[in-house]
Amino acid sequence: MSTINELVAALYPALARGDRDTIARLVAPDFQGTLTEGLPMGGVHHGREAMTENGWWAFGRAFKVRAEPAQWLSCPDGRLLVIGRYVGSARTSGVPIDAAFVHLWSADADQLTSVWQLTDSALFVNALERTGDDHH
């Protein structure tokens, strides 16, 4: 049995290195991910495979960013609120990205069951639409 903090703390680096096996161990098969509306991969992703392929991997194909958690706040209902920043760039344009995020995680005794994510969708979309020379 793992705590939600341990599960989330293991997931961030697994996502950063694209570690499918660790992600499969940490994330429940019926996981539900809700990503910020307005992002190309935004909306609700039902199931671990949908979240991995259409959520996290789609995000990684478009952006070379890392999640840098700064605050971990335990909620009275057992969920975990993580506040931090995405730091990196858009892959096609090279435009730098530094955007705040909020992740609200849920878990059962052994795996993460959901995440709700909020970030600045306009910043990400604008970074995709600009050319590499626009950010100088």
N, C-alpha and C. Protein backbone atom coordinates (compact mmCIF):
# COMPACT_ATOMS: atom_id res chain seq x y z
N MET A 1 0.85 -1.19 0.00
CA MET A 1 0.00 0.00 0.00
C MET A 1 0.89 1.24 0.00
N SER A 2 0.57 2.18 -0.89
CA SER A 2 1.33 3.43 -0.99
C SER A 2 0.43 4.60 -0.66
N THR A 3 1.04 5.67 -0.19
CA THR A 3 0.26 6.89 0.03
C THR A 3 0.11 7.62 -1.30
N ILE A 4 -0.88 8.48 -1.38
CA ILE A 4 -1.09 9.26 -2.59
C ILE A 4 0.15 10.11 -2.88
N ASN A 5 0.79 10.62 -1.83
CA ASN A 5 2.00 11.43 -2.03
C ASN A 5 3.10 10.60 -2.69
N GLU A 6 3.27 9.36 -2.24
CA GLU A 6 4.29 8.49 -2.83
C GLU A 6 3.98 8.15 -4.28
N LEU A 7 2.71 7.89 -4.57
CA LEU A 7 2.31 7.57 -5.94
C LEU A 7 2.57 8.74 -6.87
N VAL A 8 2.15 9.93 -6.47
CA VAL A 8 2.34 11.12 -7.31
C VAL A 8 3.83 11.45 -7.44
N ALA A 9 4.56 11.33 -6.34
CA ALA A 9 6.00 11.63 -6.38
C ALA A 9 6.73 10.68 -7.33
N ALA A 10 6.25 9.47 -7.47
CA ALA A 10 6.86 8.52 -8.41
C ALA A 10 6.38 8.76 -9.84
N LEU A 11 5.17 9.28 -10.00
CA LEU A 11 4.62 9.47 -11.35
C LEU A 11 5.30 10.60 -12.11
N TYR A 12 5.55 11.74 -11.47
CA TYR A 12 6.15 12.86 -12.20
C TYR A 12 7.45 12.47 -12.91
N PRO A 13 8.42 11.83 -12.25
CA PRO A 13 9.63 11.44 -12.97
C PRO A 13 9.38 10.34 -14.01
N ALA A 14 8.42 9.44 -13.75
CA ALA A 14 8.10 8.40 -14.74
C ALA A 14 7.55 9.03 -16.01
N LEU A 15 6.70 10.04 -15.87
CA LEU A 15 6.19 10.75 -17.04
C LEU A 15 7.33 11.45 -17.78
N ALA A 16 8.21 12.09 -17.03
CA ALA A 16 9.32 12.84 -17.65
C ALA A 16 10.23 11.92 -18.47
N ARG A 17 10.41 10.68 -18.04
CA ARG A 17 11.30 9.78 -18.78
C ARG A 17 10.53 8.83 -19.71
N GLY A 18 9.20 8.97 -19.76
CA GLY A 18 8.40 8.12 -20.65
C GLY A 18 8.38 6.66 -20.25
N ASP A 19 8.38 6.39 -18.97
CA ASP A 19 8.47 5.05 -18.41
C ASP A 19 7.09 4.40 -18.33
N ARG A 20 6.70 3.73 -19.40
CA ARG A 20 5.36 3.12 -19.50
C ARG A 20 5.10 2.09 -18.40
N ASP A 21 6.10 1.29 -18.07
CA ASP A 21 5.90 0.24 -17.06
C ASP A 21 5.59 0.83 -15.69
N THR A 22 6.33 1.86 -15.31
CA THR A 22 6.07 2.51 -14.02
C THR A 22 4.71 3.20 -14.03
N ILE A 23 4.39 3.85 -15.13
CA ILE A 23 3.08 4.52 -15.24
C ILE A 23 1.97 3.49 -15.10
N ALA A 24 2.10 2.34 -15.76
CA ALA A 24 1.08 1.29 -15.68
C ALA A 24 0.93 0.77 -14.25
N ARG A 25 2.02 0.73 -13.50
CA ARG A 25 1.97 0.28 -12.11
C ARG A 25 1.31 1.31 -11.20
N LEU A 26 1.55 2.59 -11.48
CA LEU A 26 1.06 3.66 -10.61
C LEU A 26 -0.37 4.11 -10.90
N VAL A 27 -0.81 3.94 -12.14
CA VAL A 27 -2.08 4.50 -12.61
C VAL A 27 -3.10 3.38 -12.82
N ALA A 28 -4.28 3.55 -12.23
CA ALA A 28 -5.34 2.54 -12.34
C ALA A 28 -5.83 2.41 -13.78
N PRO A 29 -6.24 1.20 -14.18
CA PRO A 29 -6.74 1.00 -15.55
C PRO A 29 -7.93 1.90 -15.88
N ASP A 30 -8.78 2.19 -14.89
CA ASP A 30 -9.97 3.03 -15.12
C ASP A 30 -9.73 4.50 -14.76
N PHE A 31 -8.47 4.91 -14.76
CA PHE A 31 -8.07 6.29 -14.46
C PHE A 31 -8.87 7.27 -15.31
N GLN A 32 -9.19 8.42 -14.72
CA GLN A 32 -9.84 9.50 -15.47
C GLN A 32 -8.98 10.75 -15.34
N GLY A 33 -8.53 11.26 -16.47
CA GLY A 33 -7.75 12.49 -16.50
C GLY A 33 -8.53 13.59 -17.16
N THR A 34 -8.56 14.75 -16.51
CA THR A 34 -9.21 15.92 -17.07
C THR A 34 -8.15 16.98 -17.25
N LEU A 35 -7.87 17.30 -18.51
CA LEU A 35 -6.86 18.31 -18.84
C LEU A 35 -7.55 19.60 -19.26
N THR A 36 -6.88 20.71 -19.04
CA THR A 36 -7.42 22.05 -19.28
C THR A 36 -8.07 22.15 -20.65
N GLU A 37 -9.31 22.61 -20.66
CA GLU A 37 -10.00 22.89 -21.92
C GLU A 37 -9.23 23.97 -22.65
N GLY A 38 -9.17 23.86 -23.97
CA GLY A 38 -8.44 24.83 -24.78
C GLY A 38 -7.08 24.32 -25.20
N LEU A 39 -6.52 23.36 -24.45
CA LEU A 39 -5.30 22.71 -24.90
C LEU A 39 -5.66 21.75 -26.04
N PRO A 40 -4.75 21.54 -26.98
CA PRO A 40 -5.06 20.59 -28.06
C PRO A 40 -5.44 19.20 -27.54
N MET A 41 -4.88 18.81 -26.41
CA MET A 41 -5.19 17.50 -25.82
C MET A 41 -6.10 17.64 -24.60
N GLY A 42 -6.74 18.79 -24.47
CA GLY A 42 -7.60 19.07 -23.32
C GLY A 42 -8.87 18.26 -23.34
N GLY A 43 -9.53 18.24 -22.19
CA GLY A 43 -10.77 17.50 -22.04
C GLY A 43 -10.58 16.29 -21.16
N VAL A 44 -11.57 15.41 -21.16
CA VAL A 44 -11.57 14.25 -20.29
C VAL A 44 -11.06 13.03 -21.05
N HIS A 45 -10.15 12.31 -20.43
CA HIS A 45 -9.59 11.08 -20.99
C HIS A 45 -9.95 9.94 -20.04
N HIS A 46 -10.77 9.00 -20.55
CA HIS A 46 -11.27 7.88 -19.74
C HIS A 46 -10.36 6.66 -19.94
N GLY A 47 -9.75 6.21 -18.86
CA GLY A 47 -8.90 5.03 -18.90
C GLY A 47 -7.42 5.40 -18.97
N ARG A 48 -6.60 4.53 -18.38
CA ARG A 48 -5.15 4.76 -18.34
C ARG A 48 -4.57 4.89 -19.74
N GLU A 49 -4.98 4.01 -20.67
CA GLU A 49 -4.42 4.06 -22.02
C GLU A 49 -4.79 5.36 -22.73
N ALA A 50 -6.04 5.79 -22.60
CA ALA A 50 -6.46 7.04 -23.24
C ALA A 50 -5.71 8.23 -22.65
N MET A 51 -5.55 8.24 -21.33
CA MET A 51 -4.83 9.34 -20.70
C MET A 51 -3.37 9.33 -21.12
N THR A 52 -2.77 8.15 -21.15
CA THR A 52 -1.36 8.07 -21.53
C THR A 52 -1.16 8.50 -22.98
N GLU A 53 -1.91 7.91 -23.90
CA GLU A 53 -1.70 8.18 -25.34
C GLU A 53 -2.21 9.55 -25.76
N ASN A 54 -3.44 9.88 -25.37
CA ASN A 54 -4.09 11.09 -25.87
C ASN A 54 -3.93 12.29 -24.95
N GLY A 55 -3.46 12.06 -23.74
CA GLY A 55 -3.24 13.13 -22.78
C GLY A 55 -1.76 13.40 -22.62
N TRP A 56 -1.10 12.58 -21.79
CA TRP A 56 0.30 12.83 -21.47
C TRP A 56 1.22 12.75 -22.68
N TRP A 57 1.10 11.70 -23.50
CA TRP A 57 2.01 11.58 -24.64
C TRP A 57 1.72 12.67 -25.67
N ALA A 58 0.45 13.01 -25.88
CA ALA A 58 0.12 14.10 -26.82
C ALA A 58 0.72 15.41 -26.33
N PHE A 59 0.67 15.64 -25.03
CA PHE A 59 1.28 16.83 -24.44
C PHE A 59 2.79 16.82 -24.72
N GLY A 60 3.41 15.66 -24.51
CA GLY A 60 4.85 15.53 -24.74
C GLY A 60 5.26 15.65 -26.19
N ARG A 61 4.39 15.24 -27.11
CA ARG A 61 4.70 15.40 -28.54
C ARG A 61 4.67 16.87 -28.95
N ALA A 62 3.83 17.66 -28.31
CA ALA A 62 3.69 19.07 -28.66
C ALA A 62 4.66 19.98 -27.88
N PHE A 63 4.98 19.58 -26.65
CA PHE A 63 5.78 20.44 -25.78
C PHE A 63 6.91 19.66 -25.12
N LYS A 64 8.05 20.29 -25.05
CA LYS A 64 9.17 19.70 -24.30
C LYS A 64 9.22 20.46 -22.98
N VAL A 65 8.36 20.07 -22.05
CA VAL A 65 8.27 20.74 -20.76
C VAL A 65 8.37 19.70 -19.65
N ARG A 66 8.79 20.16 -18.50
CA ARG A 66 8.79 19.31 -17.32
C ARG A 66 7.90 19.98 -16.26
N ALA A 67 7.21 19.14 -15.52
CA ALA A 67 6.40 19.62 -14.41
C ALA A 67 7.32 19.78 -13.21
N GLU A 68 7.34 20.96 -12.63
CA GLU A 68 8.14 21.24 -11.44
C GLU A 68 7.20 21.53 -10.27
N PRO A 69 6.82 20.49 -9.53
CA PRO A 69 5.93 20.70 -8.38
C PRO A 69 6.61 21.57 -7.32
N ALA A 70 5.85 22.48 -6.74
CA ALA A 70 6.40 23.37 -5.71
C ALA A 70 5.69 23.20 -4.37
N GLN A 71 4.38 23.00 -4.40
CA GLN A 71 3.60 22.84 -3.17
C GLN A 71 2.76 21.58 -3.26
N TRP A 72 2.72 20.82 -2.16
CA TRP A 72 1.91 19.61 -2.05
C TRP A 72 0.97 19.83 -0.87
N LEU A 73 -0.32 19.86 -1.15
CA LEU A 73 -1.30 20.13 -0.11
C LEU A 73 -2.28 18.96 0.00
N SER A 74 -2.32 18.34 1.15
CA SER A 74 -3.24 17.23 1.39
C SER A 74 -4.63 17.78 1.66
N CYS A 75 -5.62 17.24 0.96
CA CYS A 75 -7.00 17.66 1.14
C CYS A 75 -7.67 16.79 2.20
N PRO A 76 -8.65 17.34 2.92
CA PRO A 76 -9.34 16.57 3.97
C PRO A 76 -9.98 15.28 3.44
N ASP A 77 -10.35 15.24 2.16
CA ASP A 77 -11.01 14.06 1.59
C ASP A 77 -10.01 13.03 1.05
N GLY A 78 -8.71 13.24 1.28
CA GLY A 78 -7.71 12.28 0.85
C GLY A 78 -7.05 12.59 -0.47
N ARG A 79 -7.59 13.55 -1.21
CA ARG A 79 -6.96 13.93 -2.47
C ARG A 79 -5.70 14.76 -2.20
N LEU A 80 -4.90 14.94 -3.23
CA LEU A 80 -3.66 15.71 -3.13
C LEU A 80 -3.66 16.81 -4.17
N LEU A 81 -3.43 18.04 -3.73
CA LEU A 81 -3.34 19.19 -4.61
C LEU A 81 -1.87 19.54 -4.78
N VAL A 82 -1.40 19.53 -6.03
CA VAL A 82 -0.01 19.87 -6.33
C VAL A 82 -0.01 21.14 -7.18
N ILE A 83 0.75 22.13 -6.74
CA ILE A 83 0.86 23.40 -7.45
C ILE A 83 2.31 23.55 -7.88
N GLY A 84 2.50 23.95 -9.12
CA GLY A 84 3.86 24.11 -9.62
C GLY A 84 3.89 24.83 -10.95
N ARG A 85 4.94 24.56 -11.72
CA ARG A 85 5.13 25.22 -13.00
C ARG A 85 5.54 24.21 -14.05
N TYR A 86 5.07 24.42 -15.27
CA TYR A 86 5.59 23.72 -16.44
C TYR A 86 6.68 24.61 -17.00
N VAL A 87 7.86 24.04 -17.23
CA VAL A 87 8.98 24.81 -17.75
C VAL A 87 9.56 24.07 -18.95
N GLY A 88 9.75 24.79 -20.05
CA GLY A 88 10.31 24.17 -21.24
C GLY A 88 10.00 25.01 -22.46
N SER A 89 9.57 24.33 -23.55
CA SER A 89 9.27 25.04 -24.79
C SER A 89 8.33 24.22 -25.65
N ALA A 90 7.75 24.89 -26.64
CA ALA A 90 6.95 24.20 -27.66
C ALA A 90 7.92 23.52 -28.62
N ARG A 91 7.64 22.29 -28.99
CA ARG A 91 8.58 21.55 -29.85
C ARG A 91 8.71 22.15 -31.24
N THR A 92 7.61 22.58 -31.86
CA THR A 92 7.68 23.06 -33.24
C THR A 92 8.28 24.44 -33.36
N SER A 93 8.01 25.31 -32.40
CA SER A 93 8.45 26.71 -32.51
C SER A 93 9.67 27.02 -31.67
N GLY A 94 9.91 26.23 -30.63
CA GLY A 94 10.99 26.55 -29.70
C GLY A 94 10.64 27.67 -28.74
N VAL A 95 9.41 28.16 -28.80
CA VAL A 95 8.99 29.26 -27.93
C VAL A 95 9.03 28.77 -26.47
N PRO A 96 9.68 29.53 -25.59
CA PRO A 96 9.77 29.13 -24.19
C PRO A 96 8.40 29.11 -23.51
N ILE A 97 8.27 28.19 -22.57
CA ILE A 97 7.04 28.08 -21.78
C ILE A 97 7.42 28.06 -20.31
N ASP A 98 6.73 28.88 -19.54
CA ASP A 98 6.85 28.89 -18.09
C ASP A 98 5.44 29.21 -17.59
N ALA A 99 4.71 28.17 -17.22
CA ALA A 99 3.30 28.34 -16.89
C ALA A 99 2.95 27.63 -15.59
N ALA A 100 2.16 28.28 -14.77
CA ALA A 100 1.69 27.67 -13.53
C ALA A 100 0.74 26.51 -13.85
N PHE A 101 0.72 25.52 -12.96
CA PHE A 101 -0.27 24.45 -13.06
C PHE A 101 -0.80 24.12 -11.68
N VAL A 102 -1.99 23.52 -11.70
CA VAL A 102 -2.60 22.93 -10.51
C VAL A 102 -3.03 21.53 -10.92
N HIS A 103 -2.63 20.53 -10.15
CA HIS A 103 -3.06 19.15 -10.35
C HIS A 103 -3.77 18.69 -9.08
N LEU A 104 -4.95 18.16 -9.24
CA LEU A 104 -5.69 17.59 -8.12
C LEU A 104 -5.80 16.08 -8.35
N TRP A 105 -5.09 15.31 -7.54
CA TRP A 105 -4.97 13.86 -7.69
C TRP A 105 -5.87 13.12 -6.72
N SER A 106 -6.39 11.97 -7.19
CA SER A 106 -7.13 11.03 -6.35
C SER A 106 -6.48 9.66 -6.48
N ALA A 107 -6.60 8.86 -5.44
CA ALA A 107 -6.03 7.51 -5.47
C ALA A 107 -6.86 6.59 -4.60
N ASP A 108 -6.74 5.29 -4.90
CA ASP A 108 -7.23 4.28 -3.96
C ASP A 108 -6.00 3.80 -3.19
N ALA A 109 -6.05 2.64 -2.59
CA ALA A 109 -4.94 2.18 -1.75
C ALA A 109 -3.66 1.90 -2.53
N ASP A 110 -3.78 1.59 -3.82
CA ASP A 110 -2.62 1.13 -4.57
C ASP A 110 -2.27 1.94 -5.81
N GLN A 111 -3.22 2.68 -6.38
CA GLN A 111 -2.98 3.36 -7.64
C GLN A 111 -3.69 4.71 -7.69
N LEU A 112 -3.18 5.57 -8.55
CA LEU A 112 -3.84 6.84 -8.83
C LEU A 112 -5.09 6.57 -9.66
N THR A 113 -6.18 7.25 -9.32
CA THR A 113 -7.44 7.01 -10.00
C THR A 113 -7.90 8.19 -10.86
N SER A 114 -7.39 9.41 -10.57
CA SER A 114 -7.78 10.54 -11.40
C SER A 114 -6.84 11.72 -11.17
N VAL A 115 -6.85 12.60 -12.16
CA VAL A 115 -6.19 13.90 -12.03
C VAL A 115 -7.07 14.93 -12.72
N TRP A 116 -7.14 16.08 -12.13
CA TRP A 116 -7.77 17.26 -12.73
C TRP A 116 -6.65 18.28 -12.84
N GLN A 117 -6.42 18.79 -14.05
CA GLN A 117 -5.30 19.68 -14.31
C GLN A 117 -5.81 21.02 -14.81
N LEU A 118 -5.18 22.08 -14.33
CA LEU A 118 -5.50 23.42 -14.80
C LEU A 118 -4.20 24.16 -15.06
N THR A 119 -4.13 24.78 -16.25
CA THR A 119 -2.98 25.60 -16.62
C THR A 119 -3.45 26.66 -17.60
N ASP A 120 -2.54 27.50 -18.05
CA ASP A 120 -2.85 28.59 -18.97
C ASP A 120 -2.88 28.07 -20.40
N SER A 121 -4.04 27.66 -20.88
CA SER A 121 -4.14 27.06 -22.21
C SER A 121 -3.72 28.03 -23.31
N ALA A 122 -4.03 29.31 -23.16
CA ALA A 122 -3.68 30.29 -24.19
C ALA A 122 -2.17 30.39 -24.36
N LEU A 123 -1.43 30.34 -23.27
CA LEU A 123 0.02 30.40 -23.35
C LEU A 123 0.57 29.22 -24.17
N PHE A 124 0.05 28.03 -23.93
CA PHE A 124 0.51 26.85 -24.67
C PHE A 124 0.11 26.92 -26.14
N VAL A 125 -1.13 27.28 -26.42
CA VAL A 125 -1.60 27.37 -27.81
C VAL A 125 -0.82 28.43 -28.56
N ASN A 126 -0.59 29.59 -27.95
CA ASN A 126 0.18 30.65 -28.60
C ASN A 126 1.60 30.20 -28.90
N ALA A 127 2.20 29.42 -27.99
CA ALA A 127 3.56 28.91 -28.21
C ALA A 127 3.60 27.97 -29.41
N LEU A 128 2.54 27.21 -29.63
CA LEU A 128 2.48 26.31 -30.79
C LEU A 128 2.31 27.08 -32.08
N GLU A 129 1.58 28.18 -32.03
CA GLU A 129 1.24 28.92 -33.24
C GLU A 129 2.31 29.90 -33.68
N ARG A 130 3.22 30.26 -32.77
CA ARG A 130 4.26 31.23 -33.11
C ARG A 130 5.42 30.53 -33.81
N THR A 131 6.20 31.31 -34.53
CA THR A 131 7.40 30.77 -35.12
C THR A 131 8.54 30.95 -34.13
N GLY A 132 9.61 30.24 -34.31
CA GLY A 132 10.73 30.32 -33.40
C GLY A 132 11.31 31.71 -33.27
N ASP A 133 11.20 32.55 -34.31
CA ASP A 133 11.76 33.89 -34.26
C ASP A 133 10.87 34.88 -33.51
N ASP A 134 9.62 34.52 -33.27
CA ASP A 134 8.68 35.44 -32.63
C ASP A 134 8.98 35.70 -31.17
N HIS A 135 9.76 34.85 -30.51
CA HIS A 135 9.96 35.01 -29.07
C HIS A 135 11.20 35.80 -28.73
N HIS A 136 11.88 36.38 -29.70
CA HIS A 136 13.08 37.17 -29.41
C HIS A 136 12.75 38.62 -29.16
